[in-house]
Amino acid sequence: FKARGQTLGVWHEQNGRLTTVENDEAALNA
């Protein structure tokens, strides 16, 4: 799921952790 989320642009990885690309609630819902 990590790999698939990265290819979909859900999050980016830095220092061994993933962070969501979006922060807006509506955008994250979508």
PDB file of all heavy atoms in Angstrom:
ATOM      1  N   PHE A   1       0.829  -1.199   0.000  1.00  0.00           N
ATOM      2  CA  PHE A   1       0.000   0.000   0.000  1.00  0.00           C
ATOM      3  C   PHE A   1       0.871   1.260   0.000  1.00  0.00           C
ATOM      4  O   PHE A   1       0.513   2.267  -0.597  1.00  0.00           O
ATOM      5  CB  PHE A   1      -0.966  -0.011   1.181  1.00  0.00           C
ATOM      6  CG  PHE A   1      -2.076  -0.999   1.005  1.00  0.00           C
ATOM      7  CD1 PHE A   1      -1.912  -2.318   1.376  1.00  0.00           C
ATOM      8  CD2 PHE A   1      -3.283  -0.617   0.451  1.00  0.00           C
ATOM      9  CE1 PHE A   1      -2.928  -3.246   1.191  1.00  0.00           C
ATOM     10  CE2 PHE A   1      -4.315  -1.522   0.262  1.00  0.00           C
ATOM     11  CZ  PHE A   1      -4.135  -2.849   0.630  1.00  0.00           C
ATOM     12  N   LYS A   2       2.019   1.170   0.643  1.00  0.00           N
ATOM     13  CA  LYS A   2       2.970   2.286   0.638  1.00  0.00           C
ATOM     14  C   LYS A   2       3.380   2.599  -0.800  1.00  0.00           C
ATOM     15  O   LYS A   2       3.312   3.746  -1.250  1.00  0.00           O
ATOM     16  CB  LYS A   2       4.198   1.939   1.473  1.00  0.00           C
ATOM     17  CG  LYS A   2       5.333   2.923   1.350  1.00  0.00           C
ATOM     18  CD  LYS A   2       6.568   2.415   2.084  1.00  0.00           C
ATOM     19  CE  LYS A   2       7.786   3.236   1.791  1.00  0.00           C
ATOM     20  NZ  LYS A   2       8.980   2.748   2.492  1.00  0.00           N
ATOM     21  N   ALA A   3       3.805   1.567  -1.521  1.00  0.00           N
ATOM     22  CA  ALA A   3       4.262   1.745  -2.897  1.00  0.00           C
ATOM     23  C   ALA A   3       3.150   2.283  -3.792  1.00  0.00           C
ATOM     24  O   ALA A   3       3.359   3.202  -4.583  1.00  0.00           O
ATOM     25  CB  ALA A   3       4.800   0.424  -3.440  1.00  0.00           C
ATOM     26  N   ARG A   4       1.956   1.718  -3.650  1.00  0.00           N
ATOM     27  CA  ARG A   4       0.842   2.160  -4.506  1.00  0.00           C
ATOM     28  C   ARG A   4       0.448   3.596  -4.167  1.00  0.00           C
ATOM     29  O   ARG A   4       0.151   4.396  -5.043  1.00  0.00           O
ATOM     30  CB  ARG A   4      -0.364   1.219  -4.342  1.00  0.00           C
ATOM     31  CG  ARG A   4      -1.379   1.383  -5.440  1.00  0.00           C
ATOM     32  CD  ARG A   4      -0.711   1.061  -6.796  1.00  0.00           C
ATOM     33  NE  ARG A   4      -1.609   1.241  -7.898  1.00  0.00           N
ATOM     34  CZ  ARG A   4      -1.517   2.244  -8.776  1.00  0.00           C
ATOM     35  NH1 ARG A   4      -0.570   3.150  -8.672  1.00  0.00           N
ATOM     36  NH2 ARG A   4      -2.363   2.328  -9.775  1.00  0.00           N
ATOM     37  N   GLY A   5       0.452   3.941  -2.897  1.00  0.00           N
ATOM     38  CA  GLY A   5       0.148   5.310  -2.494  1.00  0.00           C
ATOM     39  C   GLY A   5       1.156   6.300  -3.031  1.00  0.00           C
ATOM     40  O   GLY A   5       0.801   7.412  -3.432  1.00  0.00           O
ATOM     41  N   GLN A   6       2.425   5.902  -3.079  1.00  0.00           N
ATOM     42  CA  GLN A   6       3.450   6.788  -3.622  1.00  0.00           C
ATOM     43  C   GLN A   6       3.234   7.026  -5.115  1.00  0.00           C
ATOM     44  O   GLN A   6       3.354   8.152  -5.580  1.00  0.00           O
ATOM     45  CB  GLN A   6       4.844   6.218  -3.366  1.00  0.00           C
ATOM     46  CG  GLN A   6       5.262   6.352  -1.915  1.00  0.00           C
ATOM     47  CD  GLN A   6       6.585   5.678  -1.620  1.00  0.00           C
ATOM     48  OE1 GLN A   6       6.748   4.483  -1.856  1.00  0.00           O
ATOM     49  NE2 GLN A   6       7.522   6.446  -1.102  1.00  0.00           N
ATOM     50  N   THR A   7       2.895   5.968  -5.863  1.00  0.00           N
ATOM     51  CA  THR A   7       2.674   6.151  -7.305  1.00  0.00           C
ATOM     52  C   THR A   7       1.423   6.970  -7.581  1.00  0.00           C
ATOM     53  O   THR A   7       1.344   7.646  -8.605  1.00  0.00           O
ATOM     54  CB  THR A   7       2.593   4.810  -8.056  1.00  0.00           C
ATOM     55  OG1 THR A   7       1.508   4.049  -7.555  1.00  0.00           O
ATOM     56  CG2 THR A   7       3.889   4.030  -7.943  1.00  0.00           C
ATOM     57  N   LEU A   8       0.451   6.934  -6.665  1.00  0.00           N
ATOM     58  CA  LEU A   8      -0.759   7.740  -6.820  1.00  0.00           C
ATOM     59  C   LEU A   8      -0.583   9.171  -6.297  1.00  0.00           C
ATOM     60  O   LEU A   8      -1.486   9.989  -6.427  1.00  0.00           O
ATOM     61  CB  LEU A   8      -1.940   7.086  -6.086  1.00  0.00           C
ATOM     62  CG  LEU A   8      -2.481   5.801  -6.697  1.00  0.00           C
ATOM     63  CD1 LEU A   8      -3.478   5.138  -5.754  1.00  0.00           C
ATOM     64  CD2 LEU A   8      -3.114   6.085  -8.049  1.00  0.00           C
ATOM     65  N   GLY A   9       0.562   9.459  -5.685  1.00  0.00           N
ATOM     66  CA  GLY A   9       0.809  10.798  -5.166  1.00  0.00           C
ATOM     67  C   GLY A   9       0.106  11.101  -3.859  1.00  0.00           C
ATOM     68  O   GLY A   9      -0.136  12.262  -3.528  1.00  0.00           O
ATOM     69  N   VAL A  10      -0.227  10.049  -3.103  1.00  0.00           N
ATOM     70  CA  VAL A  10      -0.902  10.229  -1.816  1.00  0.00           C
ATOM     71  C   VAL A  10       0.047  10.846  -0.801  1.00  0.00           C
ATOM     72  O   VAL A  10      -0.325  11.718  -0.032  1.00  0.00           O
ATOM     73  CB  VAL A  10      -1.456   8.886  -1.291  1.00  0.00           C
ATOM     74  CG1 VAL A  10      -2.007   9.021   0.116  1.00  0.00           C
ATOM     75  CG2 VAL A  10      -2.509   8.337  -2.242  1.00  0.00           C
ATOM     76  N   TRP A  11       1.295  10.378  -0.796  1.00  0.00           N
ATOM     77  CA  TRP A  11       2.277  10.866   0.159  1.00  0.00           C
ATOM     78  C   TRP A  11       3.664  10.819  -0.446  1.00  0.00           C
ATOM     79  O   TRP A  11       3.897  10.216  -1.484  1.00  0.00           O
ATOM     80  CB  TRP A  11       2.259  10.064   1.454  1.00  0.00           C
ATOM     81  CG  TRP A  11       2.117   8.577   1.287  1.00  0.00           C
ATOM     82  CD1 TRP A  11       2.909   7.756   0.538  1.00  0.00           C
ATOM     83  CD2 TRP A  11       1.125   7.746   1.852  1.00  0.00           C
ATOM     84  NE1 TRP A  11       2.463   6.467   0.624  1.00  0.00           N
ATOM     85  CE2 TRP A  11       1.368   6.422   1.429  1.00  0.00           C
ATOM     86  CE3 TRP A  11       0.058   7.971   2.710  1.00  0.00           C
ATOM     87  CZ2 TRP A  11       0.581   5.354   1.818  1.00  0.00           C
ATOM     88  CZ3 TRP A  11      -0.716   6.909   3.089  1.00  0.00           C
ATOM     89  CH2 TRP A  11      -0.457   5.614   2.655  1.00  0.00           C
ATOM     90  N   HIS A  12       4.588  11.463   0.222  1.00  0.00           N
ATOM     91  CA  HIS A  12       5.997  11.386  -0.150  1.00  0.00           C
ATOM     92  C   HIS A  12       6.771  10.875   1.060  1.00  0.00           C
ATOM     93  O   HIS A  12       6.313  10.995   2.191  1.00  0.00           O
ATOM     94  CB  HIS A  12       6.538  12.731  -0.650  1.00  0.00           C
ATOM     95  CG  HIS A  12       6.571  13.799   0.385  1.00  0.00           C
ATOM     96  ND1 HIS A  12       5.482  14.599   0.669  1.00  0.00           N
ATOM     97  CD2 HIS A  12       7.547  14.191   1.227  1.00  0.00           C
ATOM     98  CE1 HIS A  12       5.805  15.445   1.629  1.00  0.00           C
ATOM     99  NE2 HIS A  12       7.041  15.219   2.003  1.00  0.00           N
ATOM    100  N   GLU A  13       7.925  10.281   0.783  1.00  0.00           N
ATOM    101  CA  GLU A  13       8.727   9.697   1.857  1.00  0.00           C
ATOM    102  C   GLU A  13       9.969  10.530   2.104  1.00  0.00           C
ATOM    103  O   GLU A  13      10.649  10.957   1.170  1.00  0.00           O
ATOM    104  CB  GLU A  13       9.130   8.265   1.509  1.00  0.00           C
ATOM    105  CG  GLU A  13       9.863   7.562   2.634  1.00  0.00           C
ATOM    106  CD  GLU A  13      10.078   6.084   2.358  1.00  0.00           C
ATOM    107  OE1 GLU A  13       9.971   5.657   1.194  1.00  0.00           O
ATOM    108  OE2 GLU A  13      10.356   5.356   3.319  1.00  0.00           O
ATOM    109  N   GLN A  14      10.250  10.746   3.377  1.00  0.00           N
ATOM    110  CA  GLN A  14      11.463  11.432   3.778  1.00  0.00           C
ATOM    111  C   GLN A  14      11.839  10.947   5.173  1.00  0.00           C
ATOM    112  O   GLN A  14      10.981  10.875   6.062  1.00  0.00           O
ATOM    113  CB  GLN A  14      11.252  12.941   3.790  1.00  0.00           C
ATOM    114  CG  GLN A  14      12.499  13.725   4.057  1.00  0.00           C
ATOM    115  CD  GLN A  14      12.282  15.225   3.925  1.00  0.00           C
ATOM    116  OE1 GLN A  14      11.153  15.709   3.848  1.00  0.00           O
ATOM    117  NE2 GLN A  14      13.361  15.962   3.901  1.00  0.00           N
ATOM    118  N   ASN A  15      13.101  10.592   5.347  1.00  0.00           N
ATOM    119  CA  ASN A  15      13.620  10.138   6.641  1.00  0.00           C
ATOM    120  C   ASN A  15      12.831   8.970   7.228  1.00  0.00           C
ATOM    121  O   ASN A  15      12.538   8.934   8.422  1.00  0.00           O
ATOM    122  CB  ASN A  15      13.658  11.291   7.637  1.00  0.00           C
ATOM    123  CG  ASN A  15      14.561  12.418   7.174  1.00  0.00           C
ATOM    124  OD1 ASN A  15      15.590  12.173   6.549  1.00  0.00           O
ATOM    125  ND2 ASN A  15      14.183  13.646   7.461  1.00  0.00           N
ATOM    126  N   GLY A  16      12.439   8.003   6.382  1.00  0.00           N
ATOM    127  CA  GLY A  16      11.760   6.805   6.851  1.00  0.00           C
ATOM    128  C   GLY A  16      10.313   6.997   7.260  1.00  0.00           C
ATOM    129  O   GLY A  16       9.738   6.141   7.932  1.00  0.00           O
ATOM    130  N   ARG A  17       9.719   8.110   6.847  1.00  0.00           N
ATOM    131  CA  ARG A  17       8.302   8.327   7.157  1.00  0.00           C
ATOM    132  C   ARG A  17       7.600   8.918   5.947  1.00  0.00           C
ATOM    133  O   ARG A  17       8.212   9.567   5.110  1.00  0.00           O
ATOM    134  CB  ARG A  17       8.126   9.205   8.381  1.00  0.00           C
ATOM    135  CG  ARG A  17       8.550  10.626   8.208  1.00  0.00           C
ATOM    136  CD  ARG A  17       8.493  11.403   9.490  1.00  0.00           C
ATOM    137  NE  ARG A  17       7.452  12.423   9.418  1.00  0.00           N
ATOM    138  CZ  ARG A  17       7.100  13.183  10.421  1.00  0.00           C
ATOM    139  NH1 ARG A  17       7.668  13.056  11.599  1.00  0.00           N
ATOM    140  NH2 ARG A  17       6.163  14.087  10.278  1.00  0.00           N
ATOM    141  N   LEU A  18       6.320   8.640   5.863  1.00  0.00           N
ATOM    142  CA  LEU A  18       5.486   9.158   4.778  1.00  0.00           C
ATOM    143  C   LEU A  18       4.688  10.344   5.292  1.00  0.00           C
ATOM    144  O   LEU A  18       4.216  10.328   6.432  1.00  0.00           O
ATOM    145  CB  LEU A  18       4.527   8.074   4.286  1.00  0.00           C
ATOM    146  CG  LEU A  18       5.176   6.796   3.760  1.00  0.00           C
ATOM    147  CD1 LEU A  18       4.116   5.712   3.577  1.00  0.00           C
ATOM    148  CD2 LEU A  18       5.895   7.065   2.460  1.00  0.00           C
ATOM    149  N   THR A  19       4.516  11.344   4.452  1.00  0.00           N
ATOM    150  CA  THR A  19       3.714  12.507   4.808  1.00  0.00           C
ATOM    151  C   THR A  19       2.734  12.763   3.673  1.00  0.00           C
ATOM    152  O   THR A  19       3.128  12.736   2.489  1.00  0.00           O
ATOM    153  CB  THR A  19       4.593  13.753   5.020  1.00  0.00           C
ATOM    154  OG1 THR A  19       5.571  13.450   6.018  1.00  0.00           O
ATOM    155  CG2 THR A  19       3.773  14.945   5.473  1.00  0.00           C
ATOM    156  N   THR A  20       1.472  12.999   4.026  1.00  0.00           N
ATOM    157  CA  THR A  20       0.471  13.270   2.998  1.00  0.00           C
ATOM    158  C   THR A  20       0.878  14.500   2.200  1.00  0.00           C
ATOM    159  O   THR A  20       1.419  15.464   2.738  1.00  0.00           O
ATOM    160  CB  THR A  20      -0.934  13.495   3.601  1.00  0.00           C
ATOM    161  OG1 THR A  20      -0.891  14.583   4.517  1.00  0.00           O
ATOM    162  CG2 THR A  20      -1.457  12.243   4.274  1.00  0.00           C
ATOM    163  N   VAL A  21       0.612  14.452   0.901  1.00  0.00           N
ATOM    164  CA  VAL A  21       0.927  15.573   0.029  1.00  0.00           C
ATOM    165  C   VAL A  21      -0.087  16.693   0.247  1.00  0.00           C
ATOM    166  O   VAL A  21       0.265  17.860   0.294  1.00  0.00           O
ATOM    167  CB  VAL A  21       0.949  15.115  -1.445  1.00  0.00           C
ATOM    168  CG1 VAL A  21       1.122  16.289  -2.380  1.00  0.00           C
ATOM    169  CG2 VAL A  21       2.068  14.091  -1.661  1.00  0.00           C
ATOM    170  N   GLU A  22      -1.335  16.323   0.406  1.00  0.00           N
ATOM    171  CA  GLU A  22      -2.411  17.286   0.648  1.00  0.00           C
ATOM    172  C   GLU A  22      -2.643  17.438   2.140  1.00  0.00           C
ATOM    173  O   GLU A  22      -2.420  16.506   2.906  1.00  0.00           O
ATOM    174  CB  GLU A  22      -3.710  16.805  -0.001  1.00  0.00           C
ATOM    175  CG  GLU A  22      -3.690  16.790  -1.500  1.00  0.00           C
ATOM    176  CD  GLU A  22      -3.736  18.167  -2.121  1.00  0.00           C
ATOM    177  OE1 GLU A  22      -4.090  19.148  -1.423  1.00  0.00           O
ATOM    178  OE2 GLU A  22      -3.428  18.270  -3.319  1.00  0.00           O
ATOM    179  N   ASN A  23      -3.145  18.585   2.552  1.00  0.00           N
ATOM    180  CA  ASN A  23      -3.535  18.789   3.943  1.00  0.00           C
ATOM    181  C   ASN A  23      -4.972  19.253   4.090  1.00  0.00           C
ATOM    182  O   ASN A  23      -5.525  19.201   5.170  1.00  0.00           O
ATOM    183  CB  ASN A  23      -2.588  19.774   4.638  1.00  0.00           C
ATOM    184  CG  ASN A  23      -1.267  19.125   4.979  1.00  0.00           C
ATOM    185  OD1 ASN A  23      -1.242  18.017   5.504  1.00  0.00           O
ATOM    186  ND2 ASN A  23      -0.184  19.784   4.654  1.00  0.00           N
ATOM    187  N   ASP A  24      -5.579  19.695   3.012  1.00  0.00           N
ATOM    188  CA  ASP A  24      -6.963  20.148   3.021  1.00  0.00           C
ATOM    189  C   ASP A  24      -7.906  18.942   3.162  1.00  0.00           C
ATOM    190  O   ASP A  24      -7.723  17.932   2.479  1.00  0.00           O
ATOM    191  CB  ASP A  24      -7.244  20.895   1.720  1.00  0.00           C
ATOM    192  CG  ASP A  24      -8.688  21.300   1.592  1.00  0.00           C
ATOM    193  OD1 ASP A  24      -9.119  22.209   2.324  1.00  0.00           O
ATOM    194  OD2 ASP A  24      -9.387  20.676   0.758  1.00  0.00           O
ATOM    195  N   GLU A  25      -8.909  19.059   4.039  1.00  0.00           N
ATOM    196  CA  GLU A  25      -9.813  17.931   4.310  1.00  0.00           C
ATOM    197  C   GLU A  25     -10.509  17.423   3.051  1.00  0.00           C
ATOM    198  O   GLU A  25     -10.532  16.222   2.783  1.00  0.00           O
ATOM    199  CB  GLU A  25     -10.855  18.326   5.364  1.00  0.00           C
ATOM    200  CG  GLU A  25     -11.809  17.207   5.706  1.00  0.00           C
ATOM    201  CD  GLU A  25     -12.838  17.587   6.760  1.00  0.00           C
ATOM    202  OE1 GLU A  25     -12.763  18.696   7.309  1.00  0.00           O
ATOM    203  OE2 GLU A  25     -13.715  16.744   7.034  1.00  0.00           O
ATOM    204  N   ALA A  26     -11.084  18.312   2.265  1.00  0.00           N
ATOM    205  CA  ALA A  26     -11.803  17.888   1.056  1.00  0.00           C
ATOM    206  C   ALA A  26     -10.857  17.215   0.066  1.00  0.00           C
ATOM    207  O   ALA A  26     -11.209  16.204  -0.552  1.00  0.00           O
ATOM    208  CB  ALA A  26     -12.499  19.082   0.410  1.00  0.00           C
ATOM    209  N   ALA A  27      -9.661  17.762  -0.080  1.00  0.00           N
ATOM    210  CA  ALA A  27      -8.681  17.165  -0.994  1.00  0.00           C
ATOM    211  C   ALA A  27      -8.263  15.777  -0.507  1.00  0.00           C
ATOM    212  O   ALA A  27      -8.146  14.844  -1.301  1.00  0.00           O
ATOM    213  CB  ALA A  27      -7.467  18.075  -1.133  1.00  0.00           C
ATOM    214  N   LEU A  28      -8.052  15.636   0.808  1.00  0.00           N
ATOM    215  CA  LEU A  28      -7.682  14.333   1.357  1.00  0.00           C
ATOM    216  C   LEU A  28      -8.814  13.324   1.211  1.00  0.00           C
ATOM    217  O   LEU A  28      -8.567  12.143   0.922  1.00  0.00           O
ATOM    218  CB  LEU A  28      -7.255  14.460   2.818  1.00  0.00           C
ATOM    219  CG  LEU A  28      -5.862  15.057   3.009  1.00  0.00           C
ATOM    220  CD1 LEU A  28      -5.659  15.484   4.456  1.00  0.00           C
ATOM    221  CD2 LEU A  28      -4.790  14.091   2.568  1.00  0.00           C
ATOM    222  N   ASN A  29     -10.051  13.757   1.388  1.00  0.00           N
ATOM    223  CA  ASN A  29     -11.199  12.864   1.159  1.00  0.00           C
ATOM    224  C   ASN A  29     -11.141  12.312  -0.262  1.00  0.00           C
ATOM    225  O   ASN A  29     -11.309  11.106  -0.482  1.00  0.00           O
ATOM    226  CB  ASN A  29     -12.520  13.601   1.368  1.00  0.00           C
ATOM    227  CG  ASN A  29     -12.795  13.945   2.810  1.00  0.00           C
ATOM    228  OD1 ASN A  29     -12.191  13.409   3.730  1.00  0.00           O
ATOM    229  ND2 ASN A  29     -13.711  14.873   3.008  1.00  0.00           N
ATOM    230  N   ALA A  30     -10.891  13.178  -1.233  1.00  0.00           N
ATOM    231  CA  ALA A  30     -10.847  12.764  -2.638  1.00  0.00           C
ATOM    232  C   ALA A  30      -9.636  11.871  -2.922  1.00  0.00           C
ATOM    233  O   ALA A  30      -9.751  10.851  -3.616  1.00  0.00           O
ATOM    234  CB  ALA A  30     -10.809  14.002  -3.540  1.00  0.00           C
TER     235      ALA A  30
END
